[in-house]
N, C-alpha and C. Protein backbone atom coordinates (compact mmCIF):
# COMPACT_ATOMS: atom_id res chain seq x y z
N MET A 1 51.57 -42.28 -16.87
CA MET A 1 50.83 -40.94 -16.80
C MET A 1 51.42 -39.66 -17.85
N LYS A 2 50.22 -39.08 -18.66
CA LYS A 2 51.07 -38.20 -19.08
C LYS A 2 50.95 -36.40 -19.16
N PRO A 3 50.95 -35.62 -19.44
CA PRO A 3 50.87 -34.48 -18.76
C PRO A 3 49.45 -33.83 -19.63
N ARG A 4 48.83 -33.31 -19.96
CA ARG A 4 47.36 -32.86 -20.89
C ARG A 4 48.38 -31.66 -21.69
N LEU A 5 47.17 -31.19 -23.01
CA LEU A 5 48.06 -30.98 -23.92
C LEU A 5 48.28 -29.64 -23.23
N HIS A 6 47.40 -29.09 -22.60
CA HIS A 6 47.97 -27.38 -22.16
C HIS A 6 49.21 -27.49 -21.59
N THR A 7 49.59 -28.76 -20.79
CA THR A 7 51.02 -28.35 -20.24
C THR A 7 51.75 -28.42 -21.59
N LEU A 8 51.71 -29.63 -22.07
CA LEU A 8 53.10 -29.46 -23.00
C LEU A 8 53.13 -27.88 -24.00
N VAL A 9 51.68 -27.38 -24.22
CA VAL A 9 51.79 -26.23 -25.36
C VAL A 9 52.70 -25.39 -24.75
N LYS A 10 52.19 -24.97 -23.42
CA LYS A 10 52.97 -24.07 -22.27
C LYS A 10 54.26 -24.26 -22.26
N ALA A 11 54.74 -25.43 -22.06
CA ALA A 11 56.00 -26.51 -22.03
C ALA A 11 56.95 -25.33 -23.39
N ALA A 12 56.14 -26.12 -24.76
CA ALA A 12 57.02 -25.70 -25.78
C ALA A 12 57.05 -23.80 -25.84
N CYS A 13 55.48 -23.39 -25.31
CA CYS A 13 55.88 -21.70 -25.42
C CYS A 13 57.63 -21.09 -24.60
N LEU A 14 57.32 -22.22 -23.27
CA LEU A 14 58.89 -22.02 -22.85
C LEU A 14 60.35 -22.06 -23.40
N ALA A 15 59.93 -22.88 -24.41
CA ALA A 15 61.43 -23.52 -25.05
C ALA A 15 61.50 -22.81 -26.07
N THR A 16 60.39 -21.89 -26.57
CA THR A 16 60.72 -20.74 -27.79
C THR A 16 61.21 -19.28 -26.96
N GLY A 17 61.23 -19.12 -25.61
CA GLY A 17 61.68 -17.67 -25.41
C GLY A 17 60.38 -17.33 -24.80
N LEU A 18 59.15 -17.26 -24.87
CA LEU A 18 57.92 -16.60 -24.64
C LEU A 18 57.90 -16.70 -23.33
N LEU A 19 58.46 -17.40 -22.28
CA LEU A 19 57.78 -17.23 -20.55
C LEU A 19 59.02 -17.32 -20.10
N VAL A 20 60.15 -16.83 -20.61
CA VAL A 20 61.59 -16.83 -20.11
C VAL A 20 62.11 -15.77 -19.36
N THR A 21 61.12 -14.78 -19.52
CA THR A 21 61.61 -13.79 -18.45
C THR A 21 61.80 -13.90 -17.47
N ASN A 22 63.17 -13.37 -17.20
CA ASN A 22 63.89 -13.42 -15.75
C ASN A 22 63.39 -13.08 -15.04
N LEU A 23 62.03 -12.79 -14.39
CA LEU A 23 61.37 -11.66 -13.59
C LEU A 23 61.76 -12.63 -11.70
N ALA A 24 61.87 -11.54 -11.28
CA ALA A 24 61.90 -11.39 -9.99
C ALA A 24 60.88 -12.59 -9.19
N SER A 25 60.51 -13.12 -8.34
CA SER A 25 59.76 -13.30 -7.88
C SER A 25 58.82 -12.65 -6.66
N ALA A 26 57.10 -12.45 -6.99
CA ALA A 26 56.90 -11.39 -6.19
C ALA A 26 56.39 -11.81 -5.03
N SER A 27 56.49 -13.12 -4.41
CA SER A 27 56.02 -13.43 -3.27
C SER A 27 56.95 -12.85 -1.84
N VAL A 28 55.76 -12.67 -1.02
CA VAL A 28 56.24 -11.95 0.24
C VAL A 28 55.51 -12.97 1.27
N GLU A 29 56.57 -12.86 2.17
CA GLU A 29 55.94 -13.76 3.91
C GLU A 29 56.41 -13.09 5.02
N ILE A 30 55.61 -13.61 5.74
CA ILE A 30 55.48 -13.60 7.33
C ILE A 30 55.94 -14.34 7.65
N VAL A 31 57.91 -14.44 8.43
CA VAL A 31 58.21 -15.21 9.04
C VAL A 31 58.25 -15.26 10.80
N GLY A 32 58.25 -13.86 11.19
CA GLY A 32 58.02 -13.89 12.59
C GLY A 32 57.02 -12.41 13.08
N LEU A 33 56.44 -12.55 14.14
CA LEU A 33 55.40 -11.78 14.38
C LEU A 33 55.87 -11.28 15.98
N PHE A 34 55.87 -9.45 16.39
CA PHE A 34 55.93 -9.51 17.29
C PHE A 34 54.67 -7.77 17.37
N LYS A 35 54.75 -7.02 18.37
CA LYS A 35 53.73 -6.12 18.51
C LYS A 35 54.67 -5.00 17.96
N ASP A 36 54.10 -4.66 16.95
CA ASP A 36 54.60 -3.54 15.98
C ASP A 36 55.69 -3.64 15.52
N ARG A 37 56.29 -4.84 15.58
CA ARG A 37 57.42 -5.21 14.08
C ARG A 37 57.20 -6.85 13.95
N ALA A 38 57.55 -6.75 12.82
CA ALA A 38 57.40 -8.14 12.21
C ALA A 38 58.87 -8.95 11.31
N VAL A 39 59.59 -9.95 11.15
CA VAL A 39 59.87 -10.41 10.07
C VAL A 39 59.66 -10.57 8.44
N VAL A 40 59.97 -10.02 7.73
CA VAL A 40 59.21 -10.24 6.48
C VAL A 40 60.39 -10.74 5.31
N ARG A 41 59.82 -11.70 4.62
CA ARG A 41 60.74 -12.36 3.86
C ARG A 41 60.27 -11.91 2.36
N THR A 42 61.14 -11.86 1.33
CA THR A 42 61.20 -11.77 -0.03
C THR A 42 61.99 -12.84 -0.79
N ALA A 43 61.25 -12.71 -1.96
CA ALA A 43 62.59 -13.61 -2.47
C ALA A 43 63.73 -13.35 -2.21
N ARG A 44 64.44 -11.75 -2.29
CA ARG A 44 65.61 -11.72 -2.03
C ARG A 44 65.87 -11.50 -0.70
N GLY A 45 65.19 -11.67 0.61
CA GLY A 45 65.74 -12.01 1.52
C GLY A 45 65.14 -11.85 2.82
N GLU A 46 65.17 -11.61 4.23
CA GLU A 46 64.72 -11.34 4.85
C GLU A 46 65.02 -10.24 5.99
N GLU A 47 63.94 -9.54 6.62
CA GLU A 47 64.11 -8.38 7.29
C GLU A 47 63.55 -7.90 8.64
N VAL A 48 64.14 -7.57 9.74
CA VAL A 48 62.99 -7.35 10.97
C VAL A 48 62.90 -5.52 10.34
N ILE A 49 61.42 -5.37 10.29
CA ILE A 49 61.42 -3.97 10.45
C ILE A 49 60.13 -4.05 10.92
N LYS A 50 59.82 -2.58 11.80
CA LYS A 50 58.85 -1.87 12.55
C LYS A 50 57.62 -1.12 11.72
N VAL A 51 56.56 -1.16 12.36
CA VAL A 51 55.28 -0.44 11.98
C VAL A 51 55.88 0.72 11.05
N GLY A 52 55.38 1.21 9.73
CA GLY A 52 55.80 2.18 9.56
C GLY A 52 57.31 2.53 8.69
N GLN A 53 58.31 1.40 8.65
CA GLN A 53 59.29 1.15 8.03
C GLN A 53 59.09 0.13 6.91
N THR A 54 59.81 0.41 5.85
CA THR A 54 60.05 -0.33 4.87
C THR A 54 60.96 -0.83 4.74
N SER A 55 61.56 -2.04 4.26
CA SER A 55 62.53 -2.70 4.40
C SER A 55 63.52 -2.53 3.29
N SER A 56 64.67 -2.90 3.13
CA SER A 56 65.13 -2.73 2.39
C SER A 56 64.95 -3.50 0.62
N TYR A 57 64.56 -4.63 1.08
CA TYR A 57 63.59 -4.75 -0.23
C TYR A 57 62.09 -5.15 -0.20
N GLY A 58 61.68 -3.53 -0.14
CA GLY A 58 60.84 -3.07 -0.82
C GLY A 58 59.54 -3.08 0.10
N VAL A 59 59.19 -3.81 1.42
CA VAL A 59 57.96 -3.95 2.21
C VAL A 59 57.84 -2.61 3.27
N LYS A 60 56.48 -2.84 3.34
CA LYS A 60 56.41 -1.91 4.18
C LYS A 60 55.35 -2.09 5.11
N LEU A 61 55.60 -1.63 6.17
CA LEU A 61 54.58 -2.81 7.44
C LEU A 61 53.94 -1.70 7.66
N LEU A 62 52.68 -1.90 7.80
CA LEU A 62 51.45 -1.04 8.07
C LEU A 62 51.31 -1.38 9.65
N PHE A 63 50.66 -2.93 10.00
CA PHE A 63 49.88 -3.23 11.09
C PHE A 63 50.45 -4.33 11.50
N ALA A 64 50.80 -5.19 12.90
CA ALA A 64 51.36 -6.12 13.01
C ALA A 64 51.68 -6.52 15.13
N ASN A 65 50.48 -7.86 14.76
CA ASN A 65 50.75 -8.00 16.22
C ASN A 65 50.96 -9.62 16.30
N ALA A 66 50.61 -10.22 17.21
CA ALA A 66 51.57 -11.90 17.25
C ALA A 66 50.48 -12.62 16.50
N GLU A 67 49.56 -12.53 15.82
CA GLU A 67 48.56 -12.99 14.85
C GLU A 67 49.10 -12.82 13.66
N LYS A 68 48.95 -11.15 13.71
CA LYS A 68 48.46 -11.47 11.71
C LYS A 68 49.29 -10.32 11.48
N ALA A 69 49.72 -9.41 10.60
CA ALA A 69 50.32 -8.28 9.56
C ALA A 69 50.12 -7.66 8.76
N ARG A 70 50.19 -6.63 8.36
CA ARG A 70 49.72 -6.00 6.81
C ARG A 70 50.70 -5.68 6.29
N VAL A 71 51.09 -5.50 5.18
CA VAL A 71 52.19 -4.73 4.48
C VAL A 71 51.59 -4.49 3.55
N VAL A 72 52.43 -3.66 2.24
CA VAL A 72 52.22 -3.31 1.29
C VAL A 72 53.28 -3.34 0.74
N TYR A 73 53.42 -4.80 -0.50
CA TYR A 73 54.43 -4.90 -1.29
C TYR A 73 54.13 -4.73 -3.02
N GLN A 74 54.81 -3.91 -3.80
CA GLN A 74 54.75 -3.40 -5.56
C GLN A 74 53.59 -3.49 -5.55
N GLY A 75 53.24 -2.28 -4.50
CA GLY A 75 51.65 -1.50 -4.74
C GLY A 75 50.67 -2.44 -4.38
N LYS A 76 50.80 -3.62 -3.76
CA LYS A 76 49.20 -4.10 -3.18
C LYS A 76 49.53 -4.16 -1.79
N THR A 77 47.78 -4.18 -1.52
CA THR A 77 48.18 -4.75 0.21
C THR A 77 47.99 -6.10 1.00
N PHE A 78 48.63 -6.24 1.92
CA PHE A 78 48.62 -8.04 1.90
C PHE A 78 48.61 -7.96 3.52
N ASP A 79 47.20 -8.99 4.06
CA ASP A 79 46.89 -9.33 5.59
C ASP A 79 47.61 -10.70 5.78
N LEU A 80 48.88 -10.49 6.27
CA LEU A 80 49.45 -11.83 5.76
C LEU A 80 49.13 -12.74 7.85
N SER A 81 49.58 -13.95 7.85
CA SER A 81 49.59 -14.26 9.09
C SER A 81 50.71 -15.40 9.32
N LEU A 82 51.66 -15.64 10.51
CA LEU A 82 52.72 -16.28 10.10
C LEU A 82 52.69 -17.79 9.86
N SER A 83 53.88 -18.36 9.08
CA SER A 83 54.03 -18.72 8.20
C SER A 83 55.28 -20.10 8.43
N ASN A 84 56.16 -19.40 9.46
CA ASN A 84 57.34 -19.89 9.57
C ASN A 84 57.56 -20.07 10.99
N HIS A 85 58.28 -21.10 11.74
CA HIS A 85 58.47 -20.45 13.09
C HIS A 85 59.87 -20.47 13.23
N VAL A 86 60.41 -19.55 13.76
CA VAL A 86 61.51 -18.93 13.92
C VAL A 86 61.90 -18.10 15.29
N GLY A 87 63.02 -19.24 15.47
CA GLY A 87 63.44 -18.54 17.42
C GLY A 87 62.27 -18.63 18.67
N SER A 88 63.08 -18.26 19.61
CA SER A 88 61.39 -18.19 21.04
C SER A 88 60.95 -17.36 21.09
N GLY A 89 59.69 -17.21 21.16
CA GLY A 89 58.93 -16.58 21.54
C GLY A 89 58.04 -15.85 19.93
N PHE A 90 58.44 -16.52 18.59
CA PHE A 90 57.66 -16.63 17.41
C PHE A 90 56.76 -17.73 17.95
N GLN A 91 54.92 -17.52 17.04
CA GLN A 91 54.44 -18.15 17.19
C GLN A 91 54.10 -18.95 15.71
N GLU A 92 53.68 -19.96 16.08
CA GLU A 92 53.21 -20.80 14.65
C GLU A 92 51.56 -20.92 14.23
N ALA A 93 52.01 -20.11 13.38
CA ALA A 93 50.51 -19.83 12.72
C ALA A 93 49.91 -21.35 12.17
N ALA A 94 48.46 -20.95 12.20
CA ALA A 94 47.35 -22.00 12.57
C ALA A 94 47.49 -22.34 10.96
N VAL A 95 47.47 -21.23 10.08
CA VAL A 95 47.58 -21.97 8.62
C VAL A 95 48.43 -20.94 8.49
N ARG A 96 49.72 -21.42 7.07
CA ARG A 96 50.41 -20.95 6.10
C ARG A 96 50.22 -20.29 5.08
N THR A 97 50.69 -19.41 4.84
CA THR A 97 50.33 -18.85 3.64
C THR A 97 51.23 -17.77 3.11
N VAL A 98 51.25 -17.77 1.74
CA VAL A 98 51.80 -16.97 1.10
C VAL A 98 51.45 -16.50 -0.32
N SER A 99 51.54 -14.85 -0.71
CA SER A 99 50.64 -14.49 -1.60
C SER A 99 51.76 -13.91 -2.66
N VAL A 100 51.27 -14.24 -3.77
CA VAL A 100 52.14 -14.07 -4.99
C VAL A 100 51.26 -13.07 -5.96
N ASN A 101 52.25 -11.72 -6.56
CA ASN A 101 51.07 -10.55 -7.46
C ASN A 101 51.75 -11.50 -8.82
N MET A 102 50.85 -11.29 -9.80
CA MET A 102 51.00 -11.84 -11.42
C MET A 102 51.80 -10.83 -11.75
N ASP A 103 52.96 -11.37 -12.97
CA ASP A 103 53.95 -10.78 -13.70
C ASP A 103 53.71 -9.95 -14.69
N GLN A 104 54.49 -9.34 -15.40
CA GLN A 104 53.82 -8.69 -16.45
C GLN A 104 53.35 -9.82 -17.65
N SER A 105 54.06 -10.81 -17.34
CA SER A 105 53.45 -12.24 -18.28
C SER A 105 51.98 -12.76 -18.39
N GLY A 106 51.47 -12.32 -17.17
CA GLY A 106 50.04 -12.64 -16.68
C GLY A 106 50.46 -13.65 -15.70
N SER A 107 51.47 -14.37 -15.11
CA SER A 107 52.02 -15.43 -14.49
C SER A 107 52.24 -15.29 -13.54
N PHE A 108 51.79 -16.46 -12.72
CA PHE A 108 52.94 -16.40 -11.27
C PHE A 108 53.86 -17.36 -10.80
N ARG A 109 54.75 -16.57 -10.49
CA ARG A 109 56.33 -17.39 -10.18
C ARG A 109 56.59 -17.04 -8.20
N VAL A 110 56.93 -18.11 -8.48
CA VAL A 110 57.34 -18.44 -6.84
C VAL A 110 58.48 -18.89 -6.43
N ASN A 111 59.20 -19.09 -4.68
CA ASN A 111 60.32 -19.60 -5.27
C ASN A 111 60.12 -20.41 -3.83
N GLY A 112 60.06 -21.53 -4.28
CA GLY A 112 60.06 -22.90 -3.07
C GLY A 112 61.08 -23.74 -2.68
N SER A 113 60.48 -25.03 -2.33
CA SER A 113 62.22 -26.15 -2.54
C SER A 113 61.22 -27.46 -3.04
N VAL A 114 61.87 -28.18 -3.78
CA VAL A 114 61.87 -29.94 -3.92
C VAL A 114 62.39 -30.92 -2.73
N ASN A 115 61.65 -31.39 -2.45
CA ASN A 115 62.27 -32.52 -1.58
C ASN A 115 63.96 -31.51 -0.78
N GLY A 116 63.84 -30.77 -0.32
CA GLY A 116 64.64 -30.02 0.99
C GLY A 116 65.57 -28.60 -0.54
N SER A 117 65.70 -28.95 -1.49
CA SER A 117 66.43 -28.22 -2.18
C SER A 117 65.52 -26.92 -3.12
N PRO A 118 66.06 -25.84 -3.45
CA PRO A 118 65.40 -24.58 -3.73
C PRO A 118 65.10 -24.70 -4.97
N ALA A 119 64.33 -24.17 -5.48
CA ALA A 119 63.44 -24.43 -7.04
C ALA A 119 62.52 -23.04 -7.22
N ASN A 120 62.49 -23.05 -8.34
CA ASN A 120 61.64 -21.67 -9.03
C ASN A 120 60.71 -22.38 -9.52
N PHE A 121 59.36 -22.04 -9.30
CA PHE A 121 58.14 -21.76 -9.91
C PHE A 121 57.46 -21.50 -10.94
N LEU A 122 56.81 -21.54 -11.79
CA LEU A 122 55.66 -21.49 -12.60
C LEU A 122 54.57 -21.60 -12.40
N VAL A 123 53.40 -20.88 -11.83
CA VAL A 123 52.31 -21.74 -11.10
C VAL A 123 51.64 -21.98 -12.53
N ASP A 124 51.14 -23.76 -12.46
CA ASP A 124 49.80 -23.77 -13.73
C ASP A 124 48.88 -24.32 -13.45
N THR A 125 47.86 -24.16 -13.56
CA THR A 125 46.43 -24.76 -13.16
C THR A 125 46.17 -26.06 -14.43
N GLY A 126 46.60 -25.80 -15.32
CA GLY A 126 46.39 -26.23 -16.67
C GLY A 126 47.35 -27.88 -16.79
N ALA A 127 48.30 -27.50 -15.86
CA ALA A 127 49.14 -29.29 -15.58
C ALA A 127 48.69 -29.76 -14.63
N ASN A 128 48.43 -30.98 -15.05
CA ASN A 128 47.70 -31.87 -13.95
C ASN A 128 49.32 -32.65 -13.35
N VAL A 129 50.22 -32.03 -13.14
CA VAL A 129 50.99 -32.56 -12.54
C VAL A 129 52.35 -31.38 -12.61
N VAL A 130 53.47 -31.66 -11.82
CA VAL A 130 54.30 -31.03 -11.46
C VAL A 130 55.05 -31.13 -12.57
N ALA A 131 55.42 -30.63 -13.79
CA ALA A 131 56.39 -30.83 -14.48
C ALA A 131 57.91 -30.42 -14.97
N MET A 132 58.45 -30.86 -14.53
CA MET A 132 60.11 -30.21 -15.06
C MET A 132 61.21 -30.88 -16.21
N SER A 133 62.46 -29.96 -16.52
CA SER A 133 63.32 -30.99 -17.63
C SER A 133 64.08 -31.98 -17.10
N SER A 134 65.09 -32.29 -17.55
CA SER A 134 65.48 -33.15 -16.69
C SER A 134 67.01 -32.61 -16.38
N LYS A 135 66.89 -31.89 -16.93
CA LYS A 135 68.10 -30.86 -16.14
C LYS A 135 67.76 -30.61 -15.33
N ALA A 136 66.62 -29.91 -14.95
CA ALA A 136 65.90 -29.41 -13.24
C ALA A 136 66.32 -30.41 -12.84
N ALA A 137 65.99 -31.34 -13.32
CA ALA A 137 65.77 -32.59 -12.13
C ALA A 137 67.03 -32.96 -11.56
N SER A 138 68.09 -33.40 -12.75
CA SER A 138 69.50 -33.69 -12.20
C SER A 138 70.15 -32.71 -11.18
N ALA A 139 69.41 -31.15 -10.63
CA ALA A 139 69.96 -30.01 -10.42
C ALA A 139 69.36 -30.09 -9.41
N LEU A 140 68.01 -30.60 -9.16
CA LEU A 140 67.64 -30.92 -7.38
C LEU A 140 68.12 -32.10 -6.73
N GLY A 141 68.72 -33.00 -7.24
CA GLY A 141 68.95 -34.54 -7.02
C GLY A 141 68.08 -35.54 -7.31
N ILE A 142 67.31 -35.65 -8.05
CA ILE A 142 65.80 -36.06 -8.40
C ILE A 142 66.61 -37.33 -9.04
N GLN A 143 66.65 -38.79 -8.48
CA GLN A 143 66.79 -39.82 -9.09
C GLN A 143 65.56 -40.57 -10.18
N TYR A 144 65.26 -39.35 -11.27
CA TYR A 144 64.03 -39.85 -12.37
C TYR A 144 64.39 -40.67 -13.01
N GLN A 145 65.46 -41.25 -12.95
CA GLN A 145 66.17 -42.38 -14.06
C GLN A 145 65.11 -43.59 -13.69
N ILE A 146 65.09 -43.74 -12.14
CA ILE A 146 64.13 -45.39 -11.77
C ILE A 146 63.15 -45.14 -11.90
N GLY A 147 62.31 -44.30 -12.52
CA GLY A 147 60.85 -43.83 -12.68
C GLY A 147 60.15 -44.39 -13.37
N GLU A 148 58.71 -44.72 -13.46
CA GLU A 148 58.32 -45.02 -15.26
C GLU A 148 58.30 -44.47 -16.35
N THR A 149 58.39 -45.16 -17.07
CA THR A 149 59.09 -44.40 -18.52
C THR A 149 57.69 -44.60 -18.93
N GLY A 150 57.90 -42.95 -19.68
CA GLY A 150 56.53 -42.36 -20.81
C GLY A 150 57.04 -41.67 -21.38
N LYS A 151 56.13 -41.34 -22.70
CA LYS A 151 56.13 -40.58 -23.53
C LYS A 151 55.46 -39.36 -23.68
N VAL A 152 55.81 -37.88 -23.74
CA VAL A 152 55.00 -37.10 -23.97
C VAL A 152 55.17 -36.31 -25.57
N VAL A 153 54.16 -36.04 -25.87
CA VAL A 153 53.84 -34.90 -27.38
C VAL A 153 54.10 -33.70 -27.07
N THR A 154 54.98 -33.16 -27.88
CA THR A 154 54.82 -31.75 -27.90
C THR A 154 54.94 -31.07 -29.60
N THR A 155 55.47 -30.12 -29.58
CA THR A 155 54.71 -29.43 -31.40
C THR A 155 56.05 -29.96 -31.88
N GLN A 156 56.96 -30.65 -31.33
CA GLN A 156 58.10 -31.21 -31.86
C GLN A 156 58.29 -32.68 -32.24
N GLY A 157 57.10 -33.33 -31.80
CA GLY A 157 57.02 -34.79 -31.90
C GLY A 157 57.18 -35.34 -30.55
N GLU A 158 57.56 -36.96 -29.72
CA GLU A 158 57.09 -37.03 -29.37
C GLU A 158 58.79 -37.36 -28.23
N VAL A 159 58.67 -36.94 -26.79
CA VAL A 159 59.76 -36.82 -25.92
C VAL A 159 59.82 -37.78 -24.86
N ASP A 160 61.12 -38.24 -25.12
CA ASP A 160 60.64 -39.09 -23.32
C ASP A 160 60.64 -38.29 -22.36
N ALA A 161 59.93 -39.62 -20.70
CA ALA A 161 59.83 -38.81 -20.17
C ALA A 161 59.37 -39.68 -18.80
N LYS A 162 59.64 -39.45 -17.38
CA LYS A 162 59.65 -40.28 -16.60
C LYS A 162 58.46 -39.47 -15.58
N ASN A 163 57.81 -40.89 -14.92
CA ASN A 163 57.14 -40.75 -13.75
C ASN A 163 57.53 -40.39 -12.47
N VAL A 164 57.29 -40.34 -11.87
CA VAL A 164 58.31 -39.80 -10.70
C VAL A 164 57.28 -39.43 -8.93
N THR A 165 57.08 -39.40 -7.96
CA THR A 165 56.84 -38.91 -7.12
C THR A 165 58.02 -38.42 -6.27
N LEU A 166 57.63 -36.77 -6.11
CA LEU A 166 58.52 -35.87 -5.04
C LEU A 166 57.79 -36.42 -3.38
N THR A 167 58.98 -36.48 -3.08
CA THR A 167 58.49 -36.73 -1.12
C THR A 167 57.84 -35.69 -0.66
N GLU A 168 58.73 -34.33 -1.17
CA GLU A 168 57.65 -32.83 -0.56
C GLU A 168 58.02 -31.51 -1.54
N VAL A 169 57.22 -30.92 -1.55
CA VAL A 169 57.12 -30.08 -2.63
C VAL A 169 56.81 -28.59 -1.86
N SER A 170 57.47 -27.64 -2.00
CA SER A 170 57.32 -26.41 -0.61
C SER A 170 57.20 -25.19 -1.18
N VAL A 171 56.18 -24.25 -0.67
CA VAL A 171 56.11 -23.11 -1.25
C VAL A 171 56.04 -22.24 -0.05
N GLY A 172 56.98 -21.20 0.18
CA GLY A 172 56.42 -20.12 1.53
C GLY A 172 56.40 -21.03 2.35
N GLY A 173 56.62 -22.53 3.20
CA GLY A 173 56.20 -23.13 4.22
C GLY A 173 54.63 -23.78 3.73
N VAL A 174 54.51 -23.69 2.64
CA VAL A 174 52.75 -24.16 2.56
C VAL A 174 53.51 -25.85 1.73
N LYS A 175 53.39 -26.65 2.41
CA LYS A 175 53.58 -27.96 1.71
C LYS A 175 52.61 -28.79 1.12
N ALA A 176 53.63 -30.00 0.30
CA ALA A 176 52.64 -31.08 0.02
C ALA A 176 53.55 -31.92 -0.10
N HIS A 177 53.04 -33.66 0.46
CA HIS A 177 53.59 -34.40 -0.13
C HIS A 177 53.45 -35.88 -0.76
N ASN A 178 54.30 -36.51 -1.57
CA ASN A 178 54.05 -37.41 -2.11
C ASN A 178 53.47 -36.55 -3.85
N VAL A 179 53.67 -35.71 -4.28
CA VAL A 179 53.37 -35.34 -5.39
C VAL A 179 54.06 -35.60 -6.42
N ALA A 180 53.10 -35.84 -7.33
CA ALA A 180 53.38 -36.93 -8.91
C ALA A 180 53.92 -35.18 -9.57
N ALA A 181 55.24 -36.32 -10.22
CA ALA A 181 55.30 -35.29 -11.23
C ALA A 181 55.84 -36.47 -12.67
N THR A 182 56.52 -35.25 -14.01
CA THR A 182 57.08 -35.97 -14.90
C THR A 182 57.94 -35.47 -15.54
N VAL A 183 58.93 -35.88 -15.16
CA VAL A 183 60.40 -35.30 -16.13
C VAL A 183 60.50 -35.67 -17.36
N ILE A 184 60.75 -34.39 -17.88
CA ILE A 184 60.92 -34.79 -19.35
C ILE A 184 62.30 -34.51 -19.93
N GLU A 185 62.60 -35.52 -20.87
CA GLU A 185 64.02 -35.30 -21.28
C GLU A 185 64.60 -34.29 -21.93
N GLY A 186 65.57 -33.47 -21.21
CA GLY A 186 65.72 -32.69 -22.20
C GLY A 186 66.27 -30.96 -21.03
N ASN A 187 66.03 -30.27 -21.82
CA ASN A 187 66.41 -28.94 -21.63
C ASN A 187 64.80 -27.86 -20.89
N TYR A 188 64.06 -28.44 -21.49
CA TYR A 188 62.56 -27.60 -21.08
C TYR A 188 61.19 -28.67 -20.64
N PRO A 189 60.62 -28.21 -20.19
CA PRO A 189 60.45 -26.64 -19.97
C PRO A 189 61.59 -26.02 -19.06
N VAL A 190 61.71 -24.77 -19.21
CA VAL A 190 62.78 -23.61 -18.63
C VAL A 190 62.74 -23.84 -16.83
N GLU A 191 60.87 -23.52 -16.75
CA GLU A 191 60.84 -23.38 -15.58
C GLU A 191 59.86 -24.62 -15.15
N ILE A 192 60.22 -25.12 -14.05
CA ILE A 192 59.22 -26.29 -13.02
C ILE A 192 57.59 -26.08 -13.06
N LEU A 193 57.10 -26.36 -13.59
CA LEU A 193 55.58 -25.86 -13.66
C LEU A 193 55.09 -27.09 -12.38
N LEU A 194 54.57 -25.94 -11.79
CA LEU A 194 53.44 -26.38 -10.48
C LEU A 194 52.16 -26.56 -11.08
N GLY A 195 51.56 -27.87 -10.81
CA GLY A 195 50.79 -28.40 -11.32
C GLY A 195 49.58 -28.67 -10.47
N MET A 196 49.01 -29.69 -10.63
CA MET A 196 47.78 -29.64 -9.70
C MET A 196 47.87 -31.00 -8.71
N SER A 197 49.41 -31.45 -9.16
CA SER A 197 49.31 -32.69 -7.75
C SER A 197 49.67 -31.90 -7.22
N PHE A 198 50.16 -31.23 -7.16
CA PHE A 198 50.58 -29.79 -6.01
C PHE A 198 49.97 -28.94 -5.56
N LEU A 199 48.89 -28.73 -6.68
CA LEU A 199 48.29 -27.45 -6.01
C LEU A 199 46.63 -28.07 -5.61
N SER A 200 46.60 -29.25 -5.69
CA SER A 200 45.00 -29.66 -5.35
C SER A 200 45.02 -29.93 -4.08
N GLN A 201 46.75 -30.18 -3.37
CA GLN A 201 46.80 -30.49 -2.26
C GLN A 201 46.86 -29.44 -0.94
N VAL A 202 46.40 -28.43 -1.47
CA VAL A 202 46.81 -26.95 -1.18
C VAL A 202 45.15 -26.06 -1.04
N SER A 203 44.64 -24.94 -0.63
CA SER A 203 44.15 -23.58 -0.70
C SER A 203 44.60 -22.89 -1.89
N MET A 204 43.77 -22.49 -2.87
CA MET A 204 44.43 -21.37 -3.31
C MET A 204 42.79 -20.28 -4.00
N LYS A 205 43.99 -19.01 -4.17
CA LYS A 205 42.41 -18.01 -4.36
C LYS A 205 43.21 -16.66 -4.78
N ASN A 206 42.41 -16.50 -6.00
CA ASN A 206 42.98 -15.58 -7.02
C ASN A 206 41.93 -13.93 -7.11
N GLU A 207 42.64 -13.31 -6.24
CA GLU A 207 41.52 -12.38 -6.35
C GLU A 207 42.50 -10.99 -6.97
N GLY A 208 42.26 -10.02 -8.29
CA GLY A 208 42.76 -8.81 -8.24
C GLY A 208 44.35 -9.00 -8.49
N GLY A 209 44.55 -10.38 -9.23
CA GLY A 209 46.09 -10.30 -9.69
C GLY A 209 46.63 -10.52 -8.98
N VAL A 210 46.70 -11.28 -7.52
CA VAL A 210 47.37 -11.57 -6.19
C VAL A 210 46.97 -13.18 -6.19
N LEU A 211 47.57 -13.85 -6.50
CA LEU A 211 47.24 -15.93 -6.13
C LEU A 211 48.05 -15.90 -4.38
N THR A 212 46.82 -16.42 -3.90
CA THR A 212 46.93 -16.64 -2.07
C THR A 212 47.25 -18.37 -2.29
N ILE A 213 48.21 -18.55 -1.61
CA ILE A 213 48.57 -20.53 -1.68
C ILE A 213 48.29 -20.55 -0.08
N SER A 214 47.82 -21.24 0.11
CA SER A 214 47.27 -21.76 1.69
C SER A 214 47.56 -23.22 2.38
N GLN A 215 48.10 -23.29 3.59
CA GLN A 215 48.01 -25.11 3.80
C GLN A 215 46.54 -25.33 4.06
N ARG A 216 46.01 -26.23 4.01
CA ARG A 216 44.92 -26.74 4.17
C ARG A 216 44.93 -27.22 5.66
N ARG A 217 43.78 -27.02 6.26
CA ARG A 217 43.53 -27.57 7.74
C ARG A 217 43.88 -28.86 7.96
């Protein structure tokens, strides 16, 4: 299995520093709901806030009940349902959802995990699989060396790669299992590309520069 040329071109851009700006993830998630209170989580942490309050991480709560919350974050208004089960008295949402703002480079970056280990992703609908460098794979504890051997073609020529299957990939509580991935030998791409082997297992909606990723029912 070889990543499409679009993926490899983007990986090459990452390698040259065009997409390496270290911007904070613009994801916001609701992990607990009460009447007029909510537990909100961003890439920098989580906090319990009341309606009308703004968290120390910049999330303002406009409305909350046991089913949903409305928040303002980085100038955007989101209607979010509960995306995680935390403690007694919290309710598990029927559909887990995470919303991500487009960053200054026109891309969507989001925090998540691979096989339970924290990871940062660059959403790439042009990539047919999740793609990462061997450096990133090693840091995540992925035994990619036992994967199927392949080659990917970049602007600098052919590069060795391994095709593997990730047990679980999670973004804001939205999970996919048995996710195909390609591990490219070396340090690039700088960021893990969240490709269609994950995205095809979830629901996505892009409106007004906000990407909403939801667990499929």
